[in-house]
């Protein structure tokens, strides 16, 4: 099976794609998904990560069939 990856807002522009798919190979965590799907690009500080629409830390485990999403940090005033 595989993992679906989504990039939102400015991260989509930085990595040059909105979506990617990776073959699943255990063990896998969110930060490794970022590295593999961005050709070893460093994850920007304070990037928000989600697995199956729930926020997680970059060391969270990813399972086969999961959707992993990356969001730029939210700012406001």
N, C-alpha and C. Protein backbone atom coordinates (compact mmCIF):
# COMPACT_ATOMS: atom_id res chain seq x y z
N UNK A 1 0.84 -1.18 0.00
CA UNK A 1 0.00 0.00 0.00
C UNK A 1 0.88 1.25 0.00
N UNK A 2 0.28 2.37 0.40
CA UNK A 2 1.03 3.61 0.33
C UNK A 2 0.50 4.63 1.33
N UNK A 3 1.22 5.74 1.40
CA UNK A 3 0.87 6.87 2.26
C UNK A 3 0.65 8.07 1.34
N UNK A 4 -0.39 8.83 1.60
CA UNK A 4 -0.66 10.05 0.85
C UNK A 4 -0.16 11.24 1.66
N UNK A 5 0.53 12.15 0.98
CA UNK A 5 1.09 13.33 1.65
C UNK A 5 0.48 14.58 1.02
N UNK A 6 0.07 15.53 1.86
CA UNK A 6 -0.49 16.80 1.41
C UNK A 6 0.38 17.94 1.95
N UNK A 7 0.63 18.92 1.10
CA UNK A 7 1.37 20.12 1.49
C UNK A 7 0.44 21.32 1.31
N UNK A 8 0.35 22.18 2.32
CA UNK A 8 -0.58 23.30 2.27
C UNK A 8 0.14 24.65 2.30
N UNK A 9 -0.51 25.63 1.68
CA UNK A 9 -0.10 27.04 1.68
C UNK A 9 1.34 27.21 1.23
N UNK A 10 2.14 27.93 1.99
CA UNK A 10 3.51 28.24 1.58
C UNK A 10 4.39 27.00 1.48
N UNK A 11 4.07 25.95 2.23
CA UNK A 11 4.86 24.71 2.12
C UNK A 11 4.68 24.09 0.74
N UNK A 12 3.49 24.19 0.19
CA UNK A 12 3.24 23.68 -1.16
C UNK A 12 4.16 24.39 -2.15
N UNK A 13 4.31 25.70 -1.99
CA UNK A 13 5.18 26.47 -2.87
C UNK A 13 6.65 26.10 -2.66
N UNK A 14 7.06 25.89 -1.43
CA UNK A 14 8.45 25.56 -1.13
C UNK A 14 8.87 24.21 -1.69
N UNK A 15 7.99 23.21 -1.57
CA UNK A 15 8.36 21.87 -2.05
C UNK A 15 7.99 21.66 -3.51
N UNK A 16 7.18 22.55 -4.06
CA UNK A 16 6.85 22.48 -5.48
C UNK A 16 5.77 21.48 -5.85
N UNK A 17 4.98 21.05 -4.87
CA UNK A 17 3.87 20.14 -5.17
C UNK A 17 2.85 20.21 -4.06
N UNK A 18 1.62 19.85 -4.42
CA UNK A 18 0.53 19.87 -3.45
C UNK A 18 0.36 18.51 -2.80
N UNK A 19 0.64 17.46 -3.55
CA UNK A 19 0.40 16.11 -3.05
C UNK A 19 1.49 15.17 -3.54
N UNK A 20 1.73 14.13 -2.75
CA UNK A 20 2.68 13.09 -3.12
C UNK A 20 2.20 11.76 -2.54
N UNK A 21 2.74 10.69 -3.04
CA UNK A 21 2.44 9.36 -2.53
C UNK A 21 3.75 8.62 -2.32
N UNK A 22 3.86 7.93 -1.20
CA UNK A 22 5.05 7.13 -0.90
C UNK A 22 4.63 5.69 -0.65
N UNK A 23 5.45 4.75 -1.10
CA UNK A 23 5.18 3.37 -0.71
C UNK A 23 5.41 3.22 0.79
N UNK A 24 4.60 2.43 1.44
CA UNK A 24 4.73 2.24 2.88
C UNK A 24 5.81 1.21 3.18
N UNK A 25 6.71 1.58 4.06
CA UNK A 25 7.75 0.69 4.55
C UNK A 25 7.92 0.95 6.04
N UNK A 26 7.59 -0.03 6.88
CA UNK A 26 7.69 0.14 8.33
C UNK A 26 9.15 0.03 8.75
N UNK A 27 9.59 0.65 9.81
CA UNK A 27 8.88 1.69 10.55
C UNK A 27 9.02 3.04 9.84
N UNK A 28 8.04 3.89 10.04
CA UNK A 28 8.03 5.19 9.38
C UNK A 28 7.40 6.20 10.33
N UNK A 29 8.04 7.38 10.44
CA UNK A 29 7.44 8.45 11.24
C UNK A 29 7.23 9.67 10.35
N UNK A 30 6.54 10.66 10.89
CA UNK A 30 6.15 11.83 10.12
C UNK A 30 7.36 12.58 9.57
N UNK A 31 8.39 12.76 10.36
CA UNK A 31 9.57 13.49 9.88
C UNK A 31 10.25 12.74 8.73
N UNK A 32 10.25 11.42 8.77
CA UNK A 32 10.82 10.64 7.67
C UNK A 32 9.96 10.77 6.41
N UNK A 33 8.65 10.82 6.59
CA UNK A 33 7.76 11.05 5.45
C UNK A 33 8.09 12.38 4.79
N UNK A 34 8.30 13.43 5.59
CA UNK A 34 8.69 14.73 5.05
C UNK A 34 9.99 14.59 4.25
N UNK A 35 11.00 14.00 4.84
CA UNK A 35 12.30 13.87 4.19
C UNK A 35 12.21 13.11 2.86
N UNK A 36 11.51 11.99 2.86
CA UNK A 36 11.40 11.18 1.65
C UNK A 36 10.57 11.86 0.56
N UNK A 37 9.56 12.62 0.95
CA UNK A 37 8.67 13.23 -0.04
C UNK A 37 9.16 14.58 -0.54
N UNK A 38 10.22 15.12 0.08
CA UNK A 38 10.75 16.43 -0.35
C UNK A 38 12.20 16.35 -0.83
N UNK A 39 12.67 15.16 -1.14
CA UNK A 39 14.05 14.97 -1.59
C UNK A 39 15.06 15.53 -0.59
N UNK A 40 14.87 15.19 0.68
CA UNK A 40 15.77 15.55 1.78
C UNK A 40 15.77 17.02 2.15
N UNK A 41 14.73 17.76 1.80
CA UNK A 41 14.62 19.16 2.21
C UNK A 41 14.40 19.21 3.73
N UNK A 42 15.02 20.17 4.39
CA UNK A 42 14.84 20.33 5.84
C UNK A 42 13.42 20.84 6.11
N UNK A 43 12.75 20.22 7.08
CA UNK A 43 11.42 20.68 7.45
C UNK A 43 11.54 22.03 8.15
N UNK A 44 10.79 23.05 7.70
CA UNK A 44 10.85 24.36 8.36
C UNK A 44 10.45 24.26 9.83
N UNK A 45 11.07 25.10 10.64
CA UNK A 45 10.73 25.15 12.06
C UNK A 45 9.24 25.43 12.23
N UNK A 46 8.66 24.83 13.25
CA UNK A 46 7.27 25.04 13.64
C UNK A 46 6.24 24.57 12.62
N UNK A 47 6.65 23.68 11.69
CA UNK A 47 5.69 23.11 10.76
C UNK A 47 4.68 22.28 11.54
N UNK A 48 3.41 22.46 11.22
CA UNK A 48 2.36 21.67 11.85
C UNK A 48 2.16 20.39 11.03
N UNK A 49 2.05 19.28 11.71
CA UNK A 49 1.93 17.97 11.07
C UNK A 49 0.63 17.32 11.51
N UNK A 50 -0.01 16.61 10.60
CA UNK A 50 -1.23 15.88 10.94
C UNK A 50 -1.20 14.51 10.27
N UNK A 51 -1.75 13.53 10.97
CA UNK A 51 -1.96 12.20 10.41
C UNK A 51 -3.45 11.92 10.51
N UNK A 52 -4.05 11.66 9.37
CA UNK A 52 -5.49 11.40 9.30
C UNK A 52 -6.30 12.50 9.99
N UNK A 53 -5.92 13.74 9.71
CA UNK A 53 -6.61 14.95 10.18
C UNK A 53 -6.52 15.19 11.67
N UNK A 54 -5.52 14.62 12.34
CA UNK A 54 -5.26 14.90 13.75
C UNK A 54 -3.83 15.39 13.89
N UNK A 55 -3.65 16.52 14.57
CA UNK A 55 -2.29 17.06 14.74
C UNK A 55 -1.44 16.09 15.55
N UNK A 56 -0.19 15.94 15.10
CA UNK A 56 0.77 15.05 15.75
C UNK A 56 2.13 15.72 15.76
N UNK A 57 3.03 15.15 16.54
CA UNK A 57 4.42 15.60 16.54
C UNK A 57 5.17 14.89 15.41
N UNK A 58 6.30 15.46 14.98
CA UNK A 58 7.06 14.85 13.87
C UNK A 58 7.54 13.43 14.13
N UNK A 59 7.60 13.01 15.39
CA UNK A 59 8.06 11.65 15.67
C UNK A 59 6.91 10.64 15.74
N UNK A 60 5.69 11.07 15.40
CA UNK A 60 4.53 10.17 15.42
C UNK A 60 4.68 9.09 14.35
N UNK A 61 4.23 7.91 14.68
CA UNK A 61 4.30 6.78 13.77
C UNK A 61 3.23 6.88 12.69
N UNK A 62 3.60 6.50 11.48
CA UNK A 62 2.69 6.49 10.34
C UNK A 62 2.43 5.04 9.96
N UNK A 63 1.17 4.74 9.64
CA UNK A 63 0.77 3.39 9.25
C UNK A 63 0.37 3.36 7.77
N UNK A 64 0.35 2.18 7.24
CA UNK A 64 -0.04 1.97 5.86
C UNK A 64 -1.44 2.54 5.62
N UNK A 65 -1.61 3.31 4.54
CA UNK A 65 -2.89 3.90 4.19
C UNK A 65 -3.17 5.24 4.82
N UNK A 66 -2.29 5.73 5.69
CA UNK A 66 -2.51 7.02 6.35
C UNK A 66 -2.36 8.18 5.37
N UNK A 67 -2.97 9.30 5.74
CA UNK A 67 -2.75 10.56 5.05
C UNK A 67 -1.96 11.46 5.99
N UNK A 68 -0.84 11.98 5.52
CA UNK A 68 0.01 12.87 6.32
C UNK A 68 -0.07 14.25 5.67
N UNK A 69 -0.31 15.27 6.49
CA UNK A 69 -0.42 16.63 6.00
C UNK A 69 0.56 17.55 6.73
N UNK A 70 1.09 18.51 5.98
CA UNK A 70 2.03 19.47 6.52
C UNK A 70 1.49 20.88 6.29
N UNK A 71 1.46 21.69 7.35
CA UNK A 71 0.94 23.04 7.32
C UNK A 71 2.00 24.02 7.83
N UNK A 72 2.10 25.21 7.24
CA UNK A 72 3.00 26.21 7.81
C UNK A 72 2.44 26.67 9.15
N UNK A 73 3.29 27.19 10.02
CA UNK A 73 2.79 27.67 11.31
C UNK A 73 1.78 28.79 11.11
N UNK A 74 0.79 28.83 12.00
CA UNK A 74 -0.24 29.84 11.94
C UNK A 74 0.26 31.07 12.68
N UNK A 75 0.11 32.22 12.05
CA UNK A 75 0.51 33.47 12.70
C UNK A 75 -0.68 34.41 12.70
N UNK A 76 -0.65 35.34 13.56
CA UNK A 76 -1.75 36.31 13.62
C UNK A 76 -1.37 37.47 14.51
N UNK A 77 -2.25 38.38 14.60
CA UNK A 77 -1.92 39.54 15.40
C UNK A 77 -3.06 40.06 16.18
